[in-house]
Amino acid sequence: MPTNAEVIESLARKLERVRILNDLKECHTIEEYQELTKKYEALCKDDRA
């Protein structure tokens, strides 16, 4: 049986994946994709700090 923390972590990962997928579906041009890439690169950089 998973702990509460494990359940929360799993749900958070699933929610984040759905959010990223939705953002990708909104991209209609390569420029929009590039901007989205920059956004997620910045978020990842902040996470490492």
PDB file of N, CA and C in Angstrom:
ATOM      1  N   MET A   1       0.848  -1.186   0.000  1.00  0.00           N
ATOM      2  CA  MET A   1       0.000   0.000   0.000  1.00  0.00           C
ATOM      3  C   MET A   1       0.894   1.250   0.000  1.00  0.00           C
ATOM      4  N   PRO A   2       0.712   2.134  -0.981  1.00  0.00           N
ATOM      5  CA  PRO A   2       1.559   3.336  -1.027  1.00  0.00           C
ATOM      6  C   PRO A   2       1.228   4.301   0.113  1.00  0.00           C
ATOM      7  N   THR A   3       2.245   5.034   0.504  1.00  0.00           N
ATOM      8  CA  THR A   3       2.034   6.028   1.551  1.00  0.00           C
ATOM      9  C   THR A   3       1.340   7.249   0.945  1.00  0.00           C
ATOM     10  N   ASN A   4       0.837   8.113   1.818  1.00  0.00           N
ATOM     11  CA  ASN A   4       0.182   9.336   1.348  1.00  0.00           C
ATOM     12  C   ASN A   4       1.132  10.171   0.499  1.00  0.00           C
ATOM     13  N   ALA A   5       2.383  10.261   0.907  1.00  0.00           N
ATOM     14  CA  ALA A   5       3.374  11.045   0.160  1.00  0.00           C
ATOM     15  C   ALA A   5       3.583  10.451  -1.236  1.00  0.00           C
ATOM     16  N   GLU A   6       3.620   9.131  -1.337  1.00  0.00           N
ATOM     17  CA  GLU A   6       3.795   8.485  -2.635  1.00  0.00           C
ATOM     18  C   GLU A   6       2.599   8.733  -3.544  1.00  0.00           C
ATOM     19  N   VAL A   7       1.414   8.692  -2.985  1.00  0.00           N
ATOM     20  CA  VAL A   7       0.203   8.954  -3.762  1.00  0.00           C
ATOM     21  C   VAL A   7       0.207  10.392  -4.258  1.00  0.00           C
ATOM     22  N   ILE A   8       0.552  11.325  -3.382  1.00  0.00           N
ATOM     23  CA  ILE A   8       0.596  12.740  -3.762  1.00  0.00           C
ATOM     24  C   ILE A   8       1.644  12.958  -4.845  1.00  0.00           C
ATOM     25  N   GLU A   9       2.811  12.364  -4.696  1.00  0.00           N
ATOM     26  CA  GLU A   9       3.877  12.513  -5.692  1.00  0.00           C
ATOM     27  C   GLU A   9       3.443  11.952  -7.040  1.00  0.00           C
ATOM     28  N   SER A  10       2.802  10.798  -7.025  1.00  0.00           N
ATOM     29  CA  SER A  10       2.323  10.183  -8.263  1.00  0.00           C
ATOM     30  C   SER A  10       1.277  11.067  -8.942  1.00  0.00           C
ATOM     31  N   LEU A  11       0.343  11.575  -8.170  1.00  0.00           N
ATOM     32  CA  LEU A  11      -0.695  12.448  -8.732  1.00  0.00           C
ATOM     33  C   LEU A  11      -0.099  13.741  -9.272  1.00  0.00           C
ATOM     34  N   ALA A  12       0.882  14.283  -8.583  1.00  0.00           N
ATOM     35  CA  ALA A  12       1.535  15.513  -9.034  1.00  0.00           C
ATOM     36  C   ALA A  12       2.240  15.288 -10.364  1.00  0.00           C
ATOM     37  N   ARG A  13       2.921  14.147 -10.511  1.00  0.00           N
ATOM     38  CA  ARG A  13       3.597  13.832 -11.779  1.00  0.00           C
ATOM     39  C   ARG A  13       2.588  13.689 -12.913  1.00  0.00           C
ATOM     40  N   LYS A  14       1.483  13.002 -12.638  1.00  0.00           N
ATOM     41  CA  LYS A  14       0.445  12.818 -13.661  1.00  0.00           C
ATOM     42  C   LYS A  14      -0.156  14.158 -14.066  1.00  0.00           C
ATOM     43  N   LEU A  15      -0.422  15.001 -13.095  1.00  0.00           N
ATOM     44  CA  LEU A  15      -0.990  16.317 -13.372  1.00  0.00           C
ATOM     45  C   LEU A  15      -0.028  17.156 -14.208  1.00  0.00           C
ATOM     46  N   GLU A  16       1.249  17.111 -13.886  1.00  0.00           N
ATOM     47  CA  GLU A  16       2.249  17.868 -14.632  1.00  0.00           C
ATOM     48  C   GLU A  16       2.338  17.374 -16.073  1.00  0.00           C
ATOM     49  N   ARG A  17       2.296  16.056 -16.273  1.00  0.00           N
ATOM     50  CA  ARG A  17       2.340  15.512 -17.633  1.00  0.00           C
ATOM     51  C   ARG A  17       1.128  15.961 -18.443  1.00  0.00           C
ATOM     52  N   VAL A  18      -0.033  15.972 -17.838  1.00  0.00           N
ATOM     53  CA  VAL A  18      -1.244  16.417 -18.535  1.00  0.00           C
ATOM     54  C   VAL A  18      -1.126  17.899 -18.886  1.00  0.00           C
ATOM     55  N   ARG A  19      -0.584  18.687 -17.987  1.00  0.00           N
ATOM     56  CA  ARG A  19      -0.417  20.118 -18.241  1.00  0.00           C
ATOM     57  C   ARG A  19       0.540  20.344 -19.406  1.00  0.00           C
ATOM     58  N   ILE A  20       1.645  19.608 -19.430  1.00  0.00           N
ATOM     59  CA  ILE A  20       2.610  19.735 -20.528  1.00  0.00           C
ATOM     60  C   ILE A  20       1.969  19.306 -21.846  1.00  0.00           C
ATOM     61  N   LEU A  21       1.247  18.212 -21.836  1.00  0.00           N
ATOM     62  CA  LEU A  21       0.571  17.741 -23.046  1.00  0.00           C
ATOM     63  C   LEU A  21      -0.412  18.785 -23.551  1.00  0.00           C
ATOM     64  N   ASN A  22      -1.172  19.374 -22.660  1.00  0.00           N
ATOM     65  CA  ASN A  22      -2.122  20.414 -23.067  1.00  0.00           C
ATOM     66  C   ASN A  22      -1.400  21.613 -23.658  1.00  0.00           C
ATOM     67  N   ASP A  23      -0.282  22.002 -23.056  1.00  0.00           N
ATOM     68  CA  ASP A  23       0.509  23.106 -23.604  1.00  0.00           C
ATOM     69  C   ASP A  23       1.004  22.764 -25.004  1.00  0.00           C
ATOM     70  N   LEU A  24       1.474  21.532 -25.198  1.00  0.00           N
ATOM     71  CA  LEU A  24       1.962  21.119 -26.517  1.00  0.00           C
ATOM     72  C   LEU A  24       0.843  21.124 -27.558  1.00  0.00           C
ATOM     73  N   LYS A  25      -0.327  20.713 -27.158  1.00  0.00           N
ATOM     74  CA  LYS A  25      -1.458  20.699 -28.091  1.00  0.00           C
ATOM     75  C   LYS A  25      -1.854  22.103 -28.532  1.00  0.00           C
ATOM     76  N   GLU A  26      -1.535  23.105 -27.715  1.00  0.00           N
ATOM     77  CA  GLU A  26      -1.849  24.495 -28.040  1.00  0.00           C
ATOM     78  C   GLU A  26      -0.884  25.071 -29.080  1.00  0.00           C
ATOM     79  N   CYS A  27       0.250  24.414 -29.293  1.00  0.00           N
ATOM     80  CA  CYS A  27       1.246  24.908 -30.247  1.00  0.00           C
ATOM     81  C   CYS A  27       0.774  24.633 -31.670  1.00  0.00           C
ATOM     82  N   HIS A  28       0.746  25.704 -32.473  1.00  0.00           N
ATOM     83  CA  HIS A  28       0.351  25.551 -33.868  1.00  0.00           C
ATOM     84  C   HIS A  28       1.486  25.916 -34.818  1.00  0.00           C
ATOM     85  N   THR A  29       2.519  26.549 -34.292  1.00  0.00           N
ATOM     86  CA  THR A  29       3.662  26.928 -35.117  1.00  0.00           C
ATOM     87  C   THR A  29       4.946  26.506 -34.411  1.00  0.00           C
ATOM     88  N   ILE A  30       6.010  26.471 -35.176  1.00  0.00           N
ATOM     89  CA  ILE A  30       7.305  26.140 -34.588  1.00  0.00           C
ATOM     90  C   ILE A  30       7.714  27.215 -33.590  1.00  0.00           C
ATOM     91  N   GLU A  31       7.322  28.448 -33.826  1.00  0.00           N
ATOM     92  CA  GLU A  31       7.657  29.529 -32.917  1.00  0.00           C
ATOM     93  C   GLU A  31       6.983  29.330 -31.561  1.00  0.00           C
ATOM     94  N   GLU A  32       5.735  28.896 -31.582  1.00  0.00           N
ATOM     95  CA  GLU A  32       5.024  28.616 -30.325  1.00  0.00           C
ATOM     96  C   GLU A  32       5.695  27.472 -29.579  1.00  0.00           C
ATOM     97  N   TYR A  33       6.129  26.460 -30.319  1.00  0.00           N
ATOM     98  CA  TYR A  33       6.834  25.336 -29.705  1.00  0.00           C
ATOM     99  C   TYR A  33       8.147  25.806 -29.084  1.00  0.00           C
ATOM    100  N   GLN A  34       8.865  26.654 -29.802  1.00  0.00           N
ATOM    101  CA  GLN A  34      10.142  27.160 -29.292  1.00  0.00           C
ATOM    102  C   GLN A  34       9.933  27.990 -28.024  1.00  0.00           C
ATOM    103  N   GLU A  35       8.897  28.800 -27.982  1.00  0.00           N
ATOM    104  CA  GLU A  35       8.595  29.583 -26.792  1.00  0.00           C
ATOM    105  C   GLU A  35       8.241  28.674 -25.614  1.00  0.00           C
ATOM    106  N   LEU A  36       7.482  27.639 -25.894  1.00  0.00           N
ATOM    107  CA  LEU A  36       7.123  26.682 -24.848  1.00  0.00           C
ATOM    108  C   LEU A  36       8.366  25.963 -24.329  1.00  0.00           C
ATOM    109  N   THR A  37       9.269  25.632 -25.231  1.00  0.00           N
ATOM    110  CA  THR A  37      10.525  24.996 -24.834  1.00  0.00           C
ATOM    111  C   THR A  37      11.304  25.915 -23.901  1.00  0.00           C
ATOM    112  N   LYS A  38      11.388  27.190 -24.255  1.00  0.00           N
ATOM    113  CA  LYS A  38      12.085  28.163 -23.397  1.00  0.00           C
ATOM    114  C   LYS A  38      11.430  28.234 -22.011  1.00  0.00           C
ATOM    115  N   LYS A  39      10.115  28.215 -21.989  1.00  0.00           N
ATOM    116  CA  LYS A  39       9.381  28.275 -20.718  1.00  0.00           C
ATOM    117  C   LYS A  39       9.754  27.081 -19.829  1.00  0.00           C
ATOM    118  N   TYR A  40       9.735  25.888 -20.405  1.00  0.00           N
ATOM    119  CA  TYR A  40      10.028  24.706 -19.605  1.00  0.00           C
ATOM    120  C   TYR A  40      11.506  24.600 -19.243  1.00  0.00           C
ATOM    121  N   GLU A  41      12.383  25.095 -20.113  1.00  0.00           N
ATOM    122  CA  GLU A  41      13.806  25.133 -19.765  1.00  0.00           C
ATOM    123  C   GLU A  41      14.031  26.042 -18.568  1.00  0.00           C
ATOM    124  N   ALA A  42      13.352  27.188 -18.548  1.00  0.00           N
ATOM    125  CA  ALA A  42      13.486  28.117 -17.422  1.00  0.00           C
ATOM    126  C   ALA A  42      12.949  27.487 -16.136  1.00  0.00           C
ATOM    127  N   LEU A  43      11.831  26.795 -16.231  1.00  0.00           N
ATOM    128  CA  LEU A  43      11.268  26.133 -15.054  1.00  0.00           C
ATOM    129  C   LEU A  43      12.218  25.064 -14.518  1.00  0.00           C
ATOM    130  N   CYS A  44      12.816  24.299 -15.421  1.00  0.00           N
ATOM    131  CA  CYS A  44      13.757  23.254 -15.006  1.00  0.00           C
ATOM    132  C   CYS A  44      14.997  23.878 -14.356  1.00  0.00           C
ATOM    133  N   LYS A  45      15.460  24.985 -14.921  1.00  0.00           N
ATOM    134  CA  LYS A  45      16.624  25.669 -14.363  1.00  0.00           C
ATOM    135  C   LYS A  45      16.299  26.154 -12.945  1.00  0.00           C
ATOM    136  N   ASP A  46      15.106  26.716 -12.747  1.00  0.00           N
ATOM    137  CA  ASP A  46      14.691  27.181 -11.425  1.00  0.00           C
ATOM    138  C   ASP A  46      14.603  26.018 -10.437  1.00  0.00           C
ATOM    139  N   ASP A  47      14.154  24.853 -10.910  1.00  0.00           N
ATOM    140  CA  ASP A  47      14.018  23.684 -10.044  1.00  0.00           C
ATOM    141  C   ASP A  47      15.378  23.209  -9.534  1.00  0.00           C
ATOM    142  N   ARG A  48      16.418  23.402 -10.338  1.00  0.00           N
ATOM    143  CA  ARG A  48      17.756  22.970  -9.953  1.00  0.00           C
ATOM    144  C   ARG A  48      18.402  23.901  -8.938  1.00  0.00           C
ATOM    145  N   ALA A  49      17.903  25.121  -8.868  1.00  0.00           N
ATOM    146  CA  ALA A  49      18.511  26.125  -7.966  1.00  0.00           C
ATOM    147  C   ALA A  49      18.131  25.887  -6.518  1.00  0.00           C
TER     148      ALA A  49
END
